[in-house]
């Protein structure tokens, strides 16, 4: 007989959200295993239901605030009249300030997604809003963090695998003895570092440089790019140099 058939059947546990008390260990430590499992499942199911309702309610709250922004012709939500009416909306909740702050942060997230579903790129630009939704920005931020981590790993690998300077005779002796594993690892790490560097350069956004940067910021970036070009040109002299091995 399988172990599943030997397990005690879970009993229904009545868990009401009306005036739900906070459990203490002494309250339930004498309950049977099956009852504890059923109790935990009941709480988990209720939590899932409440979370689902909360998400829907906050999305609906976000829709009402977007509708108010439309009425006030203030899609950025920065005008005094709009801020005042939204402040009144939250003022009567009677919730702790921390809870209200968390709620507003989630609502702003939904507002950002809703606005970008209902406005064209040109309308967003005219309102001074970025075209990317909060979801897209989160995805981009995760990708950027992953790229930075990859760059760190590649840089560290190059530093660890690059062999110290040595004479040509010693290098030739190592090659003749088949001691080339370290060098192979170093060359592989260097190629990986170049790939990561190219990926990082690909993250530059032309619209940010063209539209959002000041003249001073563009000049600073131009200086950095020029220095990059010089370093790249110096390295390319080595890659384009004919090999001495024939």
C-alpha atoms as a PDB file:
ATOM      1  CA  UNK A   1       0.000   0.000   0.000  1.00  0.00           C
ATOM      2  CA  UNK A   2       1.441   3.404  -0.938  1.00  0.00           C
ATOM      3  CA  UNK A   3       2.386   5.994   1.625  1.00  0.00           C
ATOM      4  CA  UNK A   4      -0.268   8.299   0.189  1.00  0.00           C
ATOM      5  CA  UNK A   5      -3.012   5.900   1.304  1.00  0.00           C
ATOM      6  CA  UNK A   6      -1.524   5.808   4.795  1.00  0.00           C
ATOM      7  CA  UNK A   7      -1.636   9.600   5.202  1.00  0.00           C
ATOM      8  CA  UNK A   8      -4.496  10.851   7.355  1.00  0.00           C
ATOM      9  CA  UNK A   9      -7.170  12.643   5.398  1.00  0.00           C
ATOM     10  CA  UNK A  10      -7.224  16.412   5.778  1.00  0.00           C
ATOM     11  CA  UNK A  11     -10.164  17.749   7.719  1.00  0.00           C
ATOM     12  CA  UNK A  12     -11.981  20.915   6.814  1.00  0.00           C
ATOM     13  CA  UNK A  13     -10.940  23.826   8.974  1.00  0.00           C
ATOM     14  CA  UNK A  14     -13.183  26.851   9.187  1.00  0.00           C
ATOM     15  CA  UNK A  15     -11.003  29.919   8.614  1.00  0.00           C
ATOM     16  CA  UNK A  16     -13.035  33.104   8.403  1.00  0.00           C
ATOM     17  CA  UNK A  17     -11.523  36.441   7.448  1.00  0.00           C
ATOM     18  CA  UNK A  18     -14.075  38.215   9.616  1.00  0.00           C
ATOM     19  CA  UNK A  19     -12.209  39.308  12.735  1.00  0.00           C
ATOM     20  CA  UNK A  20      -9.436  36.813  11.936  1.00  0.00           C
ATOM     21  CA  UNK A  21      -7.252  36.416  15.036  1.00  0.00           C
ATOM     22  CA  UNK A  22      -3.478  36.074  15.006  1.00  0.00           C
ATOM     23  CA  UNK A  23      -2.588  32.548  15.989  1.00  0.00           C
ATOM     24  CA  UNK A  24      -0.271  31.741  18.841  1.00  0.00           C
ATOM     25  CA  UNK A  25       1.665  28.488  18.980  1.00  0.00           C
ATOM     26  CA  UNK A  26      -0.020  27.491  22.219  1.00  0.00           C
ATOM     27  CA  UNK A  27      -3.400  27.754  20.481  1.00  0.00           C
ATOM     28  CA  UNK A  28      -2.772  24.927  18.026  1.00  0.00           C
ATOM     29  CA  UNK A  29       0.273  22.928  19.084  1.00  0.00           C
ATOM     30  CA  UNK A  30      -1.937  20.101  20.382  1.00  0.00           C
ATOM     31  CA  UNK A  31      -3.809  19.712  17.076  1.00  0.00           C
ATOM     32  CA  UNK A  32      -3.321  16.553  15.030  1.00  0.00           C
ATOM     33  CA  UNK A  33      -1.016  16.594  12.010  1.00  0.00           C
ATOM     34  CA  UNK A  34      -3.904  16.303   9.555  1.00  0.00           C
ATOM     35  CA  UNK A  35      -5.673  19.239  11.186  1.00  0.00           C
ATOM     36  CA  UNK A  36      -2.546  21.391  11.077  1.00  0.00           C
ATOM     37  CA  UNK A  37      -2.034  20.575   7.381  1.00  0.00           C
ATOM     38  CA  UNK A  38      -5.658  21.390   6.616  1.00  0.00           C
ATOM     39  CA  UNK A  39      -5.420  24.610   8.601  1.00  0.00           C
ATOM     40  CA  UNK A  40      -2.331  25.689   6.676  1.00  0.00           C
ATOM     41  CA  UNK A  41      -3.980  24.890   3.340  1.00  0.00           C
ATOM     42  CA  UNK A  42      -7.068  26.865   4.332  1.00  0.00           C
ATOM     43  CA  UNK A  43      -5.019  29.924   5.256  1.00  0.00           C
ATOM     44  CA  UNK A  44      -3.025  29.662   2.018  1.00  0.00           C
ATOM     45  CA  UNK A  45      -6.195  29.454  -0.099  1.00  0.00           C
ATOM     46  CA  UNK A  46      -7.766  32.406   1.696  1.00  0.00           C
ATOM     47  CA  UNK A  47      -4.569  34.397   1.219  1.00  0.00           C
ATOM     48  CA  UNK A  48      -4.561  33.650  -2.524  1.00  0.00           C
ATOM     49  CA  UNK A  49      -8.178  34.807  -2.789  1.00  0.00           C
ATOM     50  CA  UNK A  50      -7.521  37.999  -0.837  1.00  0.00           C
ATOM     51  CA  UNK A  51      -4.383  38.773  -2.857  1.00  0.00           C
ATOM     52  CA  UNK A  52      -6.282  38.282  -6.089  1.00  0.00           C
ATOM     53  CA  UNK A  53      -9.023  40.624  -4.951  1.00  0.00           C
ATOM     54  CA  UNK A  54      -6.468  43.157  -3.724  1.00  0.00           C
ATOM     55  CA  UNK A  55      -4.724  43.210  -7.106  1.00  0.00           C
ATOM     56  CA  UNK A  56      -8.018  43.789  -8.909  1.00  0.00           C
ATOM     57  CA  UNK A  57      -9.044  46.518  -6.479  1.00  0.00           C
ATOM     58  CA  UNK A  58      -5.743  48.353  -6.816  1.00  0.00           C
ATOM     59  CA  UNK A  59      -5.907  48.122 -10.610  1.00  0.00           C
ATOM     60  CA  UNK A  60      -9.432  49.549 -10.501  1.00  0.00           C
ATOM     61  CA  UNK A  61      -8.211  52.314  -8.200  1.00  0.00           C
ATOM     62  CA  UNK A  62      -5.482  53.052 -10.735  1.00  0.00           C
ATOM     63  CA  UNK A  63      -8.091  53.297 -13.511  1.00  0.00           C
ATOM     64  CA  UNK A  64     -10.063  55.868 -11.489  1.00  0.00           C
ATOM     65  CA  UNK A  65      -6.920  57.959 -11.025  1.00  0.00           C
ATOM     66  CA  UNK A  66      -6.104  57.779 -14.746  1.00  0.00           C
ATOM     67  CA  UNK A  67      -9.665  58.928 -15.477  1.00  0.00           C
ATOM     68  CA  UNK A  68      -9.097  61.867 -13.114  1.00  0.00           C
ATOM     69  CA  UNK A  69      -5.864  62.709 -14.927  1.00  0.00           C
ATOM     70  CA  UNK A  70      -7.809  62.786 -18.202  1.00  0.00           C
ATOM     71  CA  UNK A  71     -10.420  65.126 -16.701  1.00  0.00           C
ATOM     72  CA  UNK A  72      -7.717  67.453 -15.379  1.00  0.00           C
ATOM     73  CA  UNK A  73      -5.715  67.153 -18.638  1.00  0.00           C
ATOM     74  CA  UNK A  74      -2.782  66.168 -16.464  1.00  0.00           C
ATOM     75  CA  UNK A  75      -1.455  62.796 -17.570  1.00  0.00           C
ATOM     76  CA  UNK A  76       1.700  63.210 -15.469  1.00  0.00           C
ATOM     77  CA  UNK A  77      -0.418  63.694 -12.349  1.00  0.00           C
ATOM     78  CA  UNK A  78       1.559  66.713 -11.160  1.00  0.00           C
ATOM     79  CA  UNK A  79      -0.997  69.527 -11.068  1.00  0.00           C
ATOM     80  CA  UNK A  80      -2.215  70.934  -7.766  1.00  0.00           C
ATOM     81  CA  UNK A  81      -5.924  70.169  -8.339  1.00  0.00           C
ATOM     82  CA  UNK A  82      -5.235  66.542  -9.282  1.00  0.00           C
ATOM     83  CA  UNK A  83      -2.921  65.988  -6.323  1.00  0.00           C
ATOM     84  CA  UNK A  84      -5.472  67.524  -3.974  1.00  0.00           C
ATOM     85  CA  UNK A  85      -8.340  65.315  -5.098  1.00  0.00           C
ATOM     86  CA  UNK A  86      -6.193  62.161  -4.912  1.00  0.00           C
ATOM     87  CA  UNK A  87      -4.952  63.148  -1.462  1.00  0.00           C
ATOM     88  CA  UNK A  88      -8.578  63.465  -0.330  1.00  0.00           C
ATOM     89  CA  UNK A  89      -9.280  60.031  -1.804  1.00  0.00           C
ATOM     90  CA  UNK A  90      -6.659  58.414   0.435  1.00  0.00           C
ATOM     91  CA  UNK A  91      -7.134  60.642   3.476  1.00  0.00           C
ATOM     92  CA  UNK A  92     -10.357  59.006   4.605  1.00  0.00           C
ATOM     93  CA  UNK A  93      -9.071  55.447   4.614  1.00  0.00           C
ATOM     94  CA  UNK A  94      -7.928  55.494   8.212  1.00  0.00           C
ATOM     95  CA  UNK A  95      -4.935  53.283   7.421  1.00  0.00           C
ATOM     96  CA  UNK A  96      -1.389  53.618   8.786  1.00  0.00           C
ATOM     97  CA  UNK A  97       0.771  55.912   6.676  1.00  0.00           C
ATOM     98  CA  UNK A  98       3.088  53.046   5.751  1.00  0.00           C
ATOM     99  CA  UNK A  99       0.187  51.014   4.345  1.00  0.00           C
ATOM    100  CA  UNK A 100      -1.049  53.974   2.331  1.00  0.00           C
ATOM    101  CA  UNK A 101       2.448  54.575   0.939  1.00  0.00           C
ATOM    102  CA  UNK A 102       2.728  50.934  -0.153  1.00  0.00           C
ATOM    103  CA  UNK A 103      -0.726  51.097  -1.731  1.00  0.00           C
ATOM    104  CA  UNK A 104       0.085  54.268  -3.641  1.00  0.00           C
ATOM    105  CA  UNK A 105       3.340  52.773  -4.955  1.00  0.00           C
ATOM    106  CA  UNK A 106       1.455  49.780  -6.370  1.00  0.00           C
ATOM    107  CA  UNK A 107      -1.243  52.029  -7.822  1.00  0.00           C
ATOM    108  CA  UNK A 108       1.391  54.181  -9.558  1.00  0.00           C
ATOM    109  CA  UNK A 109       2.808  51.017 -11.096  1.00  0.00           C
ATOM    110  CA  UNK A 110      -0.616  50.127 -12.530  1.00  0.00           C
ATOM    111  CA  UNK A 111      -1.204  53.736 -13.635  1.00  0.00           C
ATOM    112  CA  UNK A 112       2.012  53.650 -15.648  1.00  0.00           C
ATOM    113  CA  UNK A 113       0.919  50.505 -17.482  1.00  0.00           C
ATOM    114  CA  UNK A 114      -2.645  51.763 -18.088  1.00  0.00           C
ATOM    115  CA  UNK A 115      -1.528  55.134 -19.456  1.00  0.00           C
ATOM    116  CA  UNK A 116       0.859  53.525 -21.923  1.00  0.00           C
ATOM    117  CA  UNK A 117      -1.877  51.217 -23.204  1.00  0.00           C
ATOM    118  CA  UNK A 118      -4.143  54.169 -23.977  1.00  0.00           C
ATOM    119  CA  UNK A 119      -1.702  56.809 -25.256  1.00  0.00           C
ATOM    120  CA  UNK A 120       0.325  56.844 -28.432  1.00  0.00           C
ATOM    121  CA  UNK A 121       4.083  57.323 -28.409  1.00  0.00           C
ATOM    122  CA  UNK A 122       3.608  60.874 -29.700  1.00  0.00           C
ATOM    123  CA  UNK A 123       1.078  61.664 -26.957  1.00  0.00           C
ATOM    124  CA  UNK A 124       3.410  60.279 -24.318  1.00  0.00           C
ATOM    125  CA  UNK A 125       6.291  62.346 -25.649  1.00  0.00           C
ATOM    126  CA  UNK A 126       4.125  65.494 -25.679  1.00  0.00           C
ATOM    127  CA  UNK A 127       3.174  64.851 -22.049  1.00  0.00           C
ATOM    128  CA  UNK A 128       6.815  64.344 -21.093  1.00  0.00           C
ATOM    129  CA  UNK A 129       6.335  60.648 -20.340  1.00  0.00           C
ATOM    130  CA  UNK A 130       8.647  57.813 -21.289  1.00  0.00           C
ATOM    131  CA  UNK A 131       7.134  55.319 -23.751  1.00  0.00           C
ATOM    132  CA  UNK A 132       8.235  52.247 -21.769  1.00  0.00           C
ATOM    133  CA  UNK A 133       5.752  50.743 -19.332  1.00  0.00           C
ATOM    134  CA  UNK A 134       6.831  50.027 -15.749  1.00  0.00           C
ATOM    135  CA  UNK A 135       6.811  46.336 -16.684  1.00  0.00           C
ATOM    136  CA  UNK A 136       9.191  47.007 -19.573  1.00  0.00           C
ATOM    137  CA  UNK A 137      11.419  49.186 -17.385  1.00  0.00           C
ATOM    138  CA  UNK A 138      11.600  46.432 -14.772  1.00  0.00           C
ATOM    139  CA  UNK A 139      12.579  43.949 -17.487  1.00  0.00           C
ATOM    140  CA  UNK A 140      15.212  46.360 -18.817  1.00  0.00           C
ATOM    141  CA  UNK A 141      16.558  46.945 -15.314  1.00  0.00           C
ATOM    142  CA  UNK A 142      16.861  43.204 -14.719  1.00  0.00           C
ATOM    143  CA  UNK A 143      18.641  42.803 -18.040  1.00  0.00           C
ATOM    144  CA  UNK A 144      20.974  45.695 -17.196  1.00  0.00           C
ATOM    145  CA  UNK A 145      21.809  44.197 -13.800  1.00  0.00           C
ATOM    146  CA  UNK A 146      22.475  40.837 -15.440  1.00  0.00           C
ATOM    147  CA  UNK A 147      24.769  42.534 -17.962  1.00  0.00           C
ATOM    148  CA  UNK A 148      26.709  44.321 -15.210  1.00  0.00           C
ATOM    149  CA  UNK A 149      27.102  41.019 -13.378  1.00  0.00           C
ATOM    150  CA  UNK A 150      28.281  39.339 -16.565  1.00  0.00           C
ATOM    151  CA  UNK A 151      30.792  42.154 -17.119  1.00  0.00           C
ATOM    152  CA  UNK A 152      32.090  41.714 -13.579  1.00  0.00           C
ATOM    153  CA  UNK A 153      32.483  37.971 -14.074  1.00  0.00           C
ATOM    154  CA  UNK A 154      34.221  38.398 -17.432  1.00  0.00           C
ATOM    155  CA  UNK A 155      36.601  41.035 -16.048  1.00  0.00           C
ATOM    156  CA  UNK A 156      37.466  38.889 -13.051  1.00  0.00           C
ATOM    157  CA  UNK A 157      38.035  35.850 -15.257  1.00  0.00           C
ATOM    158  CA  UNK A 158      40.438  37.812 -17.475  1.00  0.00           C
ATOM    159  CA  UNK A 159      42.348  39.101 -14.465  1.00  0.00           C
ATOM    160  CA  UNK A 160      42.710  35.585 -13.043  1.00  0.00           C
ATOM    161  CA  UNK A 161      43.590  33.780 -16.255  1.00  0.00           C
ATOM    162  CA  UNK A 162      45.943  36.295 -17.873  1.00  0.00           C
ATOM    163  CA  UNK A 163      49.460  34.823 -17.497  1.00  0.00           C
ATOM    164  CA  UNK A 164      52.211  37.031 -16.088  1.00  0.00           C
ATOM    165  CA  UNK A 165      54.774  38.518 -18.492  1.00  0.00           C
ATOM    166  CA  UNK A 166      57.438  35.978 -19.465  1.00  0.00           C
ATOM    167  CA  UNK A 167      60.276  35.665 -21.911  1.00  0.00           C
ATOM    168  CA  UNK A 168      59.797  34.374 -25.436  1.00  0.00           C
ATOM    169  CA  UNK A 169      62.069  31.436 -24.662  1.00  0.00           C
ATOM    170  CA  UNK A 170      59.947  30.425 -21.658  1.00  0.00           C
ATOM    171  CA  UNK A 171      56.756  30.779 -23.707  1.00  0.00           C
ATOM    172  CA  UNK A 172      58.260  28.605 -26.462  1.00  0.00           C
ATOM    173  CA  UNK A 173      59.358  26.002 -23.918  1.00  0.00           C
ATOM    174  CA  UNK A 174      55.860  25.871 -22.399  1.00  0.00           C
ATOM    175  CA  UNK A 175      54.280  25.480 -25.837  1.00  0.00           C
ATOM    176  CA  UNK A 176      56.672  22.696 -26.794  1.00  0.00           C
ATOM    177  CA  UNK A 177      55.888  20.916 -23.531  1.00  0.00           C
ATOM    178  CA  UNK A 178      52.133  21.205 -24.138  1.00  0.00           C
ATOM    179  CA  UNK A 179      51.606  23.641 -21.253  1.00  0.00           C
ATOM    180  CA  UNK A 180      49.117  25.785 -23.152  1.00  0.00           C
ATOM    181  CA  UNK A 181      45.964  25.235 -21.090  1.00  0.00           C
ATOM    182  CA  UNK A 182      46.372  28.442 -19.122  1.00  0.00           C
ATOM    183  CA  UNK A 183      46.899  30.456 -22.304  1.00  0.00           C
ATOM    184  CA  UNK A 184      43.839  28.906 -23.960  1.00  0.00           C
ATOM    185  CA  UNK A 185      41.717  29.907 -20.943  1.00  0.00           C
ATOM    186  CA  UNK A 186      43.103  33.446 -21.080  1.00  0.00           C
ATOM    187  CA  UNK A 187      42.342  33.893 -24.774  1.00  0.00           C
ATOM    188  CA  UNK A 188      38.813  32.538 -24.281  1.00  0.00           C
ATOM    189  CA  UNK A 189      38.225  34.931 -21.389  1.00  0.00           C
ATOM    190  CA  UNK A 190      39.467  37.876 -23.454  1.00  0.00           C
ATOM    191  CA  UNK A 191      37.082  37.053 -26.287  1.00  0.00           C
ATOM    192  CA  UNK A 192      34.220  36.793 -23.809  1.00  0.00           C
ATOM    193  CA  UNK A 193      35.145  40.175 -22.326  1.00  0.00           C
ATOM    194  CA  UNK A 194      35.043  41.745 -25.797  1.00  0.00           C
ATOM    195  CA  UNK A 195      31.574  40.260 -26.376  1.00  0.00           C
ATOM    196  CA  UNK A 196      30.300  41.645 -23.067  1.00  0.00           C
ATOM    197  CA  UNK A 197      31.781  45.084 -23.842  1.00  0.00           C
ATOM    198  CA  UNK A 198      29.961  45.117 -27.179  1.00  0.00           C
ATOM    199  CA  UNK A 199      26.704  44.187 -25.455  1.00  0.00           C
ATOM    200  CA  UNK A 200      27.142  47.057 -23.006  1.00  0.00           C
ATOM    201  CA  UNK A 201      27.691  49.547 -25.843  1.00  0.00           C
ATOM    202  CA  UNK A 202      24.520  48.231 -27.453  1.00  0.00           C
ATOM    203  CA  UNK A 203      22.530  49.395 -24.425  1.00  0.00           C
ATOM    204  CA  UNK A 204      23.052  53.070 -25.236  1.00  0.00           C
ATOM    205  CA  UNK A 205      19.705  54.599 -26.243  1.00  0.00           C
ATOM    206  CA  UNK A 206      19.879  57.112 -29.086  1.00  0.00           C
ATOM    207  CA  UNK A 207      16.718  58.927 -27.980  1.00  0.00           C
ATOM    208  CA  UNK A 208      18.117  59.496 -24.482  1.00  0.00           C
ATOM    209  CA  UNK A 209      21.327  60.949 -25.904  1.00  0.00           C
ATOM    210  CA  UNK A 210      19.518  63.071 -28.479  1.00  0.00           C
ATOM    211  CA  UNK A 211      16.492  64.238 -26.469  1.00  0.00           C
ATOM    212  CA  UNK A 212      17.151  64.035 -22.748  1.00  0.00           C
ATOM    213  CA  UNK A 213      20.851  64.852 -22.324  1.00  0.00           C
ATOM    214  CA  UNK A 214      22.013  68.410 -21.859  1.00  0.00           C
ATOM    215  CA  UNK A 215      24.781  69.796 -24.054  1.00  0.00           C
ATOM    216  CA  UNK A 216      27.241  69.321 -21.201  1.00  0.00           C
ATOM    217  CA  UNK A 217      26.192  65.704 -20.685  1.00  0.00           C
ATOM    218  CA  UNK A 218      26.540  64.961 -24.389  1.00  0.00           C
ATOM    219  CA  UNK A 219      29.999  66.542 -24.365  1.00  0.00           C
ATOM    220  CA  UNK A 220      30.982  64.361 -21.395  1.00  0.00           C
ATOM    221  CA  UNK A 221      29.708  61.239 -23.161  1.00  0.00           C
ATOM    222  CA  UNK A 222      31.533  62.251 -26.332  1.00  0.00           C
ATOM    223  CA  UNK A 223      34.787  62.459 -24.373  1.00  0.00           C
ATOM    224  CA  UNK A 224      34.247  58.999 -22.909  1.00  0.00           C
ATOM    225  CA  UNK A 225      33.407  57.547 -26.332  1.00  0.00           C
ATOM    226  CA  UNK A 226      36.514  59.146 -27.832  1.00  0.00           C
ATOM    227  CA  UNK A 227      38.660  57.557 -25.118  1.00  0.00           C
ATOM    228  CA  UNK A 228      37.004  54.224 -25.884  1.00  0.00           C
ATOM    229  CA  UNK A 229      37.838  54.638 -29.559  1.00  0.00           C
ATOM    230  CA  UNK A 230      41.494  55.244 -28.706  1.00  0.00           C
ATOM    231  CA  UNK A 231      41.684  52.138 -26.531  1.00  0.00           C
ATOM    232  CA  UNK A 232      39.929  50.074 -29.192  1.00  0.00           C
ATOM    233  CA  UNK A 233      42.246  51.405 -31.899  1.00  0.00           C
ATOM    234  CA  UNK A 234      45.255  50.481 -29.767  1.00  0.00           C
ATOM    235  CA  UNK A 235      43.964  46.936 -29.307  1.00  0.00           C
ATOM    236  CA  UNK A 236      43.131  46.579 -33.004  1.00  0.00           C
ATOM    237  CA  UNK A 237      46.751  47.265 -33.875  1.00  0.00           C
ATOM    238  CA  UNK A 238      47.488  43.974 -32.127  1.00  0.00           C
ATOM    239  CA  UNK A 239      44.632  42.027 -33.731  1.00  0.00           C
ATOM    240  CA  UNK A 240      45.566  43.290 -37.209  1.00  0.00           C
ATOM    241  CA  UNK A 241      49.278  42.688 -36.760  1.00  0.00           C
ATOM    242  CA  UNK A 242      50.484  39.717 -38.817  1.00  0.00           C
ATOM    243  CA  UNK A 243      51.255  36.721 -36.666  1.00  0.00           C
ATOM    244  CA  UNK A 244      54.954  35.943 -36.183  1.00  0.00           C
ATOM    245  CA  UNK A 245      54.161  32.235 -36.108  1.00  0.00           C
ATOM    246  CA  UNK A 246      54.487  30.658 -39.522  1.00  0.00           C
END
